[in-house]
Amino acid sequence: MLILKILRADEWAALRRDGATNGAPVDVADGFVHFSTPQQAPETAARHFAGEEDLTLLCVEAETLGDALRWEPSRGGALFPHLYRELRLSDIVRTDPLPLVNGRHVFPEDIVGPGKAPA
């Protein structure tokens, strides 16, 4: 199963430079790297990245993360994937730009499904 992480341009550049990251400031503060499922990602983008451009969507195979990945309740009791170790560049199986069109982020349909493009 793919899980998704959204990074700002500077965060993505740092990960590519350093080979690993503890995540965005919110991840560091919480002590884990926040991920979303493909179904959760559009709401995550709208809630935490509203109006932001130059975002990158990272895709990671959940099964490869082992015991460091935990599914924990968050927003409204939904289970979200949380990584309790650094995110390594080698964990990432795919990246896509996450463009902002008409105020909404456009996700690749083959990841989140149809109907997630702006109206």
Protein backbone atom coordinates (compact mmCIF):
# COMPACT_ATOMS: atom_id res chain seq x y z
CA MET A 1 0.00 0.00 0.00
CA LEU A 2 1.29 3.44 -0.89
CA ILE A 3 1.41 6.12 1.79
CA LEU A 4 2.02 9.74 0.92
CA LYS A 5 4.06 12.63 2.29
CA ILE A 6 3.84 16.22 1.09
CA LEU A 7 7.00 18.32 1.30
CA ARG A 8 7.66 21.98 0.62
CA ALA A 9 10.43 22.80 -1.89
CA ASP A 10 13.07 23.49 0.78
CA GLU A 11 12.18 20.29 2.68
CA TRP A 12 12.40 18.23 -0.53
CA ALA A 13 15.73 19.83 -1.45
CA ALA A 14 17.12 19.05 2.02
CA LEU A 15 16.00 15.42 1.79
CA ARG A 16 17.65 15.02 -1.60
CA ARG A 17 20.82 16.69 -0.30
CA ASP A 18 21.03 14.83 3.03
CA GLY A 19 19.52 11.48 2.06
CA ALA A 20 17.17 11.49 5.07
CA THR A 21 14.91 13.79 7.05
CA ASN A 22 13.02 13.92 10.31
CA GLY A 23 10.33 15.79 8.38
CA ALA A 24 8.79 19.21 8.55
CA PRO A 25 8.79 21.24 11.78
CA VAL A 26 5.43 19.68 12.78
CA ASP A 27 6.93 16.19 12.35
CA VAL A 28 9.96 17.06 14.47
CA ALA A 29 7.71 18.57 17.16
CA ASP A 30 5.45 15.49 17.21
CA GLY A 31 8.33 13.00 17.18
CA PHE A 32 7.31 11.17 14.01
CA VAL A 33 6.91 11.75 10.28
CA HIS A 34 3.27 12.27 9.34
CA PHE A 35 1.97 10.40 6.29
CA SER A 36 -1.47 10.11 4.70
CA THR A 37 -3.19 7.40 2.72
CA PRO A 38 -4.14 8.27 -0.86
CA GLN A 39 -7.71 8.85 0.35
CA GLN A 40 -6.58 11.18 3.16
CA ALA A 41 -3.99 13.18 1.20
CA PRO A 42 -6.30 15.71 -0.53
CA GLU A 43 -7.76 16.77 2.82
CA THR A 44 -4.27 16.90 4.33
CA ALA A 45 -3.16 19.21 1.51
CA ALA A 46 -6.21 21.44 1.90
CA ARG A 47 -5.87 21.62 5.67
CA HIS A 48 -2.11 21.98 6.11
CA PHE A 49 -0.84 23.33 2.78
CA ALA A 50 -3.67 25.62 1.64
CA GLY A 51 -2.52 28.01 -1.05
CA GLU A 52 1.06 26.73 -1.03
CA GLU A 53 2.89 26.18 -4.29
CA ASP A 54 6.04 24.23 -5.14
CA LEU A 55 5.00 21.13 -3.21
CA THR A 56 6.22 17.61 -3.94
CA LEU A 57 4.24 14.44 -3.29
CA LEU A 58 6.33 11.51 -2.07
CA CYS A 59 5.11 7.93 -2.32
CA VAL A 60 6.39 5.19 -0.02
CA GLU A 61 5.42 1.52 0.17
CA ALA A 62 4.11 1.12 3.71
CA GLU A 63 5.12 -2.54 3.90
CA THR A 64 8.82 -1.68 3.52
CA LEU A 65 8.91 0.45 6.68
CA GLY A 66 8.46 -2.42 9.13
CA ASP A 67 7.77 -1.77 12.80
CA ALA A 68 8.79 1.89 12.49
CA LEU A 69 5.41 2.58 10.85
CA ARG A 70 2.42 2.79 13.18
CA TRP A 71 -1.22 3.45 12.33
CA GLU A 72 -2.60 5.85 14.91
CA PRO A 73 -5.88 7.73 15.34
CA SER A 74 -5.90 11.36 14.37
CA ARG A 75 -8.39 13.62 12.65
CA GLY A 76 -11.88 12.44 13.59
CA GLY A 77 -10.54 9.09 14.78
CA ALA A 78 -9.22 8.08 11.35
CA LEU A 79 -6.03 6.02 11.38
CA PHE A 80 -3.03 7.80 9.89
CA PRO A 81 0.40 6.29 9.16
CA HIS A 82 3.18 7.69 11.33
CA LEU A 83 6.85 6.85 10.79
CA TYR A 84 8.93 6.64 13.97
CA ARG A 85 12.32 7.00 12.34
CA GLU A 86 13.81 9.30 9.75
CA LEU A 87 12.41 9.19 6.25
CA ARG A 88 15.17 8.06 3.91
CA LEU A 89 15.48 8.98 0.28
CA SER A 90 15.79 5.24 -0.38
CA ASP A 91 12.26 4.72 1.08
CA ILE A 92 10.68 6.77 -1.71
CA VAL A 93 9.35 4.86 -4.70
CA ARG A 94 7.83 7.78 -6.59
CA THR A 95 7.63 11.56 -6.55
CA ASP A 96 5.22 13.89 -8.30
CA PRO A 97 4.78 17.64 -8.34
CA LEU A 98 1.67 18.76 -6.50
CA PRO A 99 0.50 21.78 -8.51
CA LEU A 100 -1.93 24.34 -7.21
CA VAL A 101 -4.71 25.00 -9.73
CA ASN A 102 -7.61 27.31 -8.97
CA GLY A 103 -6.69 27.18 -5.29
CA ARG A 104 -6.64 23.37 -5.02
CA HIS A 105 -3.78 20.89 -5.20
CA VAL A 106 -4.01 18.47 -8.10
CA PHE A 107 -3.06 14.91 -7.21
CA PRO A 108 -2.13 12.26 -9.79
CA GLU A 109 -5.31 10.31 -10.56
CA ASP A 110 -3.44 7.00 -10.62
CA ILE A 111 -2.60 7.55 -6.95
CA VAL A 112 -5.68 9.14 -5.38
CA GLY A 113 -8.30 8.16 -7.96
CA PRO A 114 -10.41 10.21 -10.33
CA GLY A 115 -12.32 13.26 -9.23
CA LYS A 116 -9.51 14.85 -7.25
CA ALA A 117 -8.75 17.48 -9.89
CA PRO A 118 -9.95 21.05 -9.43
CA ALA A 119 -13.48 21.91 -10.53
